[in-house]
Amino acid sequence: MVRISLPFFVTEEEKQAAYEHVNKDVLRAIRQAAENIREYHARQLEQTWMMTKDDGTILGQKKLHRLTRSGCMFREERPCTHLPFS
């Protein structure tokens, strides 16, 4: 069992050695995943958005807001019944 004390630091030499042992396809996939995560969460700051990735994947977010008031209308001569969340 390896115990790591915090804070945990990795030297530049250790990083370089690790990069040399990682499969280049895996490293490319990790970098692409990091970019996708950054892009997705940067857009979450916006109210409503939608984007289409190069592969056709559609991502988006729609901000919904609670109704503060509601009403209804009938064509017949009946009183309007308010909805429970009005």
N, C-alpha and C. Protein backbone atom coordinates (compact mmCIF):
# COMPACT_ATOMS: atom_id res chain seq x y z
N MET A 1 0.84 -1.17 0.00
CA MET A 1 0.00 0.00 0.00
C MET A 1 0.90 1.24 0.00
N VAL A 2 0.55 2.20 -0.85
CA VAL A 2 1.30 3.44 -0.93
C VAL A 2 0.51 4.52 -0.23
N ARG A 3 1.16 5.24 0.66
CA ARG A 3 0.51 6.36 1.34
C ARG A 3 1.04 7.65 0.75
N ILE A 4 0.13 8.55 0.47
CA ILE A 4 0.49 9.85 -0.10
C ILE A 4 0.08 10.92 0.89
N SER A 5 1.05 11.76 1.23
CA SER A 5 0.71 12.86 2.13
C SER A 5 0.34 14.09 1.30
N LEU A 6 -0.55 14.88 1.82
CA LEU A 6 -1.02 16.07 1.11
C LEU A 6 -0.33 17.30 1.68
N PRO A 7 -0.06 18.31 0.93
CA PRO A 7 -0.34 18.41 -0.51
C PRO A 7 0.60 17.51 -1.31
N PHE A 8 0.10 17.07 -2.46
CA PHE A 8 0.81 16.14 -3.32
C PHE A 8 1.35 16.90 -4.53
N PHE A 9 2.64 16.83 -4.76
CA PHE A 9 3.27 17.52 -5.88
C PHE A 9 3.97 16.53 -6.79
N VAL A 10 3.95 16.80 -8.08
CA VAL A 10 4.64 15.99 -9.07
C VAL A 10 5.67 16.89 -9.73
N THR A 11 6.89 16.44 -9.78
CA THR A 11 7.95 17.24 -10.39
C THR A 11 7.84 17.19 -11.91
N GLU A 12 8.46 18.13 -12.58
CA GLU A 12 8.47 18.14 -14.05
C GLU A 12 9.12 16.87 -14.60
N GLU A 13 10.15 16.38 -13.94
CA GLU A 13 10.81 15.14 -14.37
C GLU A 13 9.86 13.95 -14.28
N GLU A 14 9.08 13.89 -13.20
CA GLU A 14 8.11 12.80 -13.03
C GLU A 14 7.02 12.88 -14.10
N LYS A 15 6.56 14.10 -14.40
CA LYS A 15 5.56 14.27 -15.46
C LYS A 15 6.10 13.79 -16.80
N GLN A 16 7.31 14.20 -17.12
CA GLN A 16 7.92 13.81 -18.41
C GLN A 16 8.07 12.30 -18.50
N ALA A 17 8.51 11.67 -17.42
CA ALA A 17 8.66 10.22 -17.41
C ALA A 17 7.31 9.53 -17.63
N ALA A 18 6.27 10.07 -17.01
CA ALA A 18 4.93 9.49 -17.18
C ALA A 18 4.45 9.63 -18.61
N TYR A 19 4.65 10.81 -19.23
CA TYR A 19 4.25 11.02 -20.62
C TYR A 19 4.93 10.02 -21.56
N GLU A 20 6.16 9.68 -21.27
CA GLU A 20 6.91 8.75 -22.13
C GLU A 20 6.37 7.32 -22.04
N HIS A 21 5.64 7.01 -20.98
CA HIS A 21 5.10 5.66 -20.80
C HIS A 21 3.64 5.51 -21.20
N VAL A 22 2.98 6.61 -21.52
CA VAL A 22 1.57 6.57 -21.87
C VAL A 22 1.41 6.40 -23.37
N ASN A 23 0.52 5.52 -23.77
CA ASN A 23 0.20 5.31 -25.17
C ASN A 23 -0.28 6.63 -25.76
N LYS A 24 0.22 6.99 -26.93
CA LYS A 24 -0.10 8.28 -27.56
C LYS A 24 -1.61 8.42 -27.86
N ASP A 25 -2.28 7.32 -28.22
CA ASP A 25 -3.72 7.37 -28.47
C ASP A 25 -4.48 7.65 -27.19
N VAL A 26 -4.03 7.07 -26.08
CA VAL A 26 -4.66 7.31 -24.78
C VAL A 26 -4.47 8.77 -24.38
N LEU A 27 -3.26 9.29 -24.57
CA LEU A 27 -2.98 10.68 -24.23
C LEU A 27 -3.83 11.63 -25.08
N ARG A 28 -3.98 11.32 -26.35
CA ARG A 28 -4.81 12.13 -27.24
C ARG A 28 -6.27 12.11 -26.78
N ALA A 29 -6.75 10.94 -26.38
CA ALA A 29 -8.13 10.80 -25.90
C ALA A 29 -8.34 11.58 -24.60
N ILE A 30 -7.37 11.55 -23.70
CA ILE A 30 -7.47 12.29 -22.44
C ILE A 30 -7.51 13.79 -22.73
N ARG A 31 -6.67 14.25 -23.63
CA ARG A 31 -6.65 15.68 -23.97
C ARG A 31 -7.96 16.10 -24.62
N GLN A 32 -8.51 15.26 -25.49
CA GLN A 32 -9.79 15.58 -26.13
C GLN A 32 -10.92 15.61 -25.11
N ALA A 33 -10.89 14.66 -24.17
CA ALA A 33 -11.92 14.64 -23.11
C ALA A 33 -11.83 15.90 -22.26
N ALA A 34 -10.62 16.33 -21.93
CA ALA A 34 -10.45 17.54 -21.13
C ALA A 34 -10.98 18.76 -21.88
N GLU A 35 -10.73 18.85 -23.17
CA GLU A 35 -11.24 19.96 -23.98
C GLU A 35 -12.76 19.93 -24.04
N ASN A 36 -13.34 18.74 -24.23
CA ASN A 36 -14.80 18.61 -24.27
C ASN A 36 -15.42 19.07 -22.95
N ILE A 37 -14.81 18.69 -21.83
CA ILE A 37 -15.32 19.06 -20.51
C ILE A 37 -15.24 20.57 -20.32
N ARG A 38 -14.10 21.15 -20.70
CA ARG A 38 -13.95 22.62 -20.58
C ARG A 38 -15.00 23.35 -21.41
N GLU A 39 -15.19 22.92 -22.66
CA GLU A 39 -16.14 23.57 -23.55
C GLU A 39 -17.57 23.45 -23.02
N TYR A 40 -17.94 22.26 -22.58
CA TYR A 40 -19.29 22.01 -22.08
C TYR A 40 -19.59 22.89 -20.87
N HIS A 41 -18.69 22.91 -19.90
CA HIS A 41 -18.95 23.64 -18.67
C HIS A 41 -18.82 25.15 -18.85
N ALA A 42 -18.02 25.60 -19.80
CA ALA A 42 -17.97 27.03 -20.10
C ALA A 42 -19.32 27.51 -20.62
N ARG A 43 -19.98 26.66 -21.40
CA ARG A 43 -21.29 27.03 -21.93
C ARG A 43 -22.38 27.01 -20.87
N GLN A 44 -22.17 26.30 -19.77
CA GLN A 44 -23.18 26.26 -18.72
C GLN A 44 -23.37 27.61 -18.06
N LEU A 45 -22.43 28.51 -18.23
CA LEU A 45 -22.58 29.85 -17.69
C LEU A 45 -23.67 30.62 -18.42
N GLU A 46 -23.95 30.22 -19.65
CA GLU A 46 -25.01 30.86 -20.43
C GLU A 46 -26.37 30.37 -19.95
N GLN A 47 -27.42 31.12 -20.27
CA GLN A 47 -28.77 30.72 -19.86
C GLN A 47 -29.26 29.49 -20.62
N THR A 48 -29.33 29.59 -21.92
CA THR A 48 -29.81 28.50 -22.76
C THR A 48 -28.85 28.37 -23.93
N TRP A 49 -28.48 27.15 -24.28
CA TRP A 49 -27.54 26.98 -25.39
C TRP A 49 -27.71 25.61 -26.01
N MET A 50 -27.19 25.47 -27.21
CA MET A 50 -27.18 24.20 -27.92
C MET A 50 -25.97 24.19 -28.84
N MET A 51 -25.32 23.05 -28.97
CA MET A 51 -24.19 22.95 -29.88
C MET A 51 -24.19 21.58 -30.53
N THR A 52 -23.66 21.52 -31.74
CA THR A 52 -23.52 20.27 -32.46
C THR A 52 -22.03 20.01 -32.67
N LYS A 53 -21.56 18.87 -32.21
CA LYS A 53 -20.15 18.50 -32.37
C LYS A 53 -19.91 18.02 -33.79
N ASP A 54 -18.63 17.91 -34.17
CA ASP A 54 -18.26 17.47 -35.51
C ASP A 54 -18.83 16.10 -35.86
N ASP A 55 -18.98 15.24 -34.84
CA ASP A 55 -19.50 13.89 -35.10
C ASP A 55 -21.02 13.83 -35.13
N GLY A 56 -21.69 15.00 -35.02
CA GLY A 56 -23.15 15.04 -35.07
C GLY A 56 -23.83 14.99 -33.71
N THR A 57 -23.07 14.82 -32.64
CA THR A 57 -23.63 14.79 -31.31
C THR A 57 -24.19 16.17 -30.97
N ILE A 58 -25.42 16.21 -30.45
CA ILE A 58 -26.05 17.47 -30.08
C ILE A 58 -26.10 17.55 -28.55
N LEU A 59 -25.57 18.63 -28.01
CA LEU A 59 -25.58 18.87 -26.57
C LEU A 59 -26.29 20.19 -26.32
N GLY A 60 -26.93 20.34 -25.17
CA GLY A 60 -27.56 21.60 -24.88
C GLY A 60 -28.12 21.68 -23.48
N GLN A 61 -28.59 22.87 -23.17
CA GLN A 61 -29.17 23.12 -21.86
C GLN A 61 -30.25 24.18 -22.01
N LYS A 62 -31.38 23.94 -21.43
CA LYS A 62 -32.49 24.89 -21.45
C LYS A 62 -32.79 25.27 -20.02
N LYS A 63 -32.61 26.53 -19.70
CA LYS A 63 -32.91 27.00 -18.35
C LYS A 63 -34.41 27.22 -18.24
N LEU A 64 -35.02 26.60 -17.28
CA LEU A 64 -36.46 26.74 -17.05
C LEU A 64 -36.68 27.58 -15.81
N HIS A 65 -37.71 28.36 -15.83
CA HIS A 65 -38.03 29.21 -14.69
C HIS A 65 -39.43 28.87 -14.18
N ARG A 66 -39.60 28.93 -12.89
CA ARG A 66 -40.87 28.64 -12.25
C ARG A 66 -41.88 29.71 -12.63
N LEU A 67 -43.11 29.30 -12.81
CA LEU A 67 -44.18 30.24 -13.10
C LEU A 67 -44.60 30.94 -11.81
N THR A 68 -44.76 32.24 -11.88
CA THR A 68 -45.22 32.97 -10.69
C THR A 68 -46.73 33.14 -10.71
N ARG A 69 -47.35 33.01 -11.87
CA ARG A 69 -48.78 33.20 -12.00
C ARG A 69 -49.26 32.44 -13.23
N SER A 70 -50.49 31.98 -13.18
CA SER A 70 -51.04 31.30 -14.35
C SER A 70 -52.52 31.62 -14.47
N GLY A 71 -53.05 31.31 -15.61
CA GLY A 71 -54.47 31.55 -15.81
C GLY A 71 -55.01 30.57 -16.83
N CYS A 72 -56.31 30.61 -17.05
CA CYS A 72 -56.89 29.74 -18.06
C CYS A 72 -58.09 30.45 -18.69
N MET A 73 -58.46 29.98 -19.86
CA MET A 73 -59.57 30.60 -20.56
C MET A 73 -60.44 29.49 -21.14
N PHE A 74 -61.76 29.64 -21.01
CA PHE A 74 -62.69 28.70 -21.60
C PHE A 74 -63.55 29.43 -22.61
N ARG A 75 -63.96 28.75 -23.64
CA ARG A 75 -64.83 29.35 -24.65
C ARG A 75 -66.28 29.40 -24.16
N GLU A 76 -66.61 28.49 -23.28
CA GLU A 76 -67.97 28.47 -22.74
C GLU A 76 -68.07 29.43 -21.57
N GLU A 77 -69.28 29.74 -21.15
CA GLU A 77 -69.50 30.65 -20.03
C GLU A 77 -69.34 29.91 -18.71
N ARG A 78 -68.12 29.67 -18.32
CA ARG A 78 -67.83 29.05 -17.03
C ARG A 78 -66.74 29.87 -16.35
N PRO A 79 -66.73 29.89 -15.03
CA PRO A 79 -65.64 30.61 -14.34
C PRO A 79 -64.33 29.86 -14.52
N CYS A 80 -63.27 30.61 -14.48
CA CYS A 80 -61.93 30.02 -14.63
C CYS A 80 -61.52 29.36 -13.33
N THR A 81 -61.04 28.16 -13.41
CA THR A 81 -60.52 27.46 -12.24
C THR A 81 -59.01 27.60 -12.26
N HIS A 82 -58.46 28.14 -11.21
CA HIS A 82 -57.00 28.34 -11.15
C HIS A 82 -56.29 27.02 -10.92
N LEU A 83 -55.12 26.92 -11.50
CA LEU A 83 -54.31 25.72 -11.33
C LEU A 83 -53.67 25.73 -9.95
N PRO A 84 -53.33 24.57 -9.40
CA PRO A 84 -52.83 24.50 -8.03
C PRO A 84 -51.55 25.29 -7.79
N PHE A 85 -50.72 25.49 -8.81
CA PHE A 85 -49.45 26.17 -8.59
C PHE A 85 -49.55 27.67 -8.87
N SER A 86 -50.75 28.21 -9.04
CA SER A 86 -50.89 29.64 -9.32
C SER A 86 -50.73 30.47 -8.07
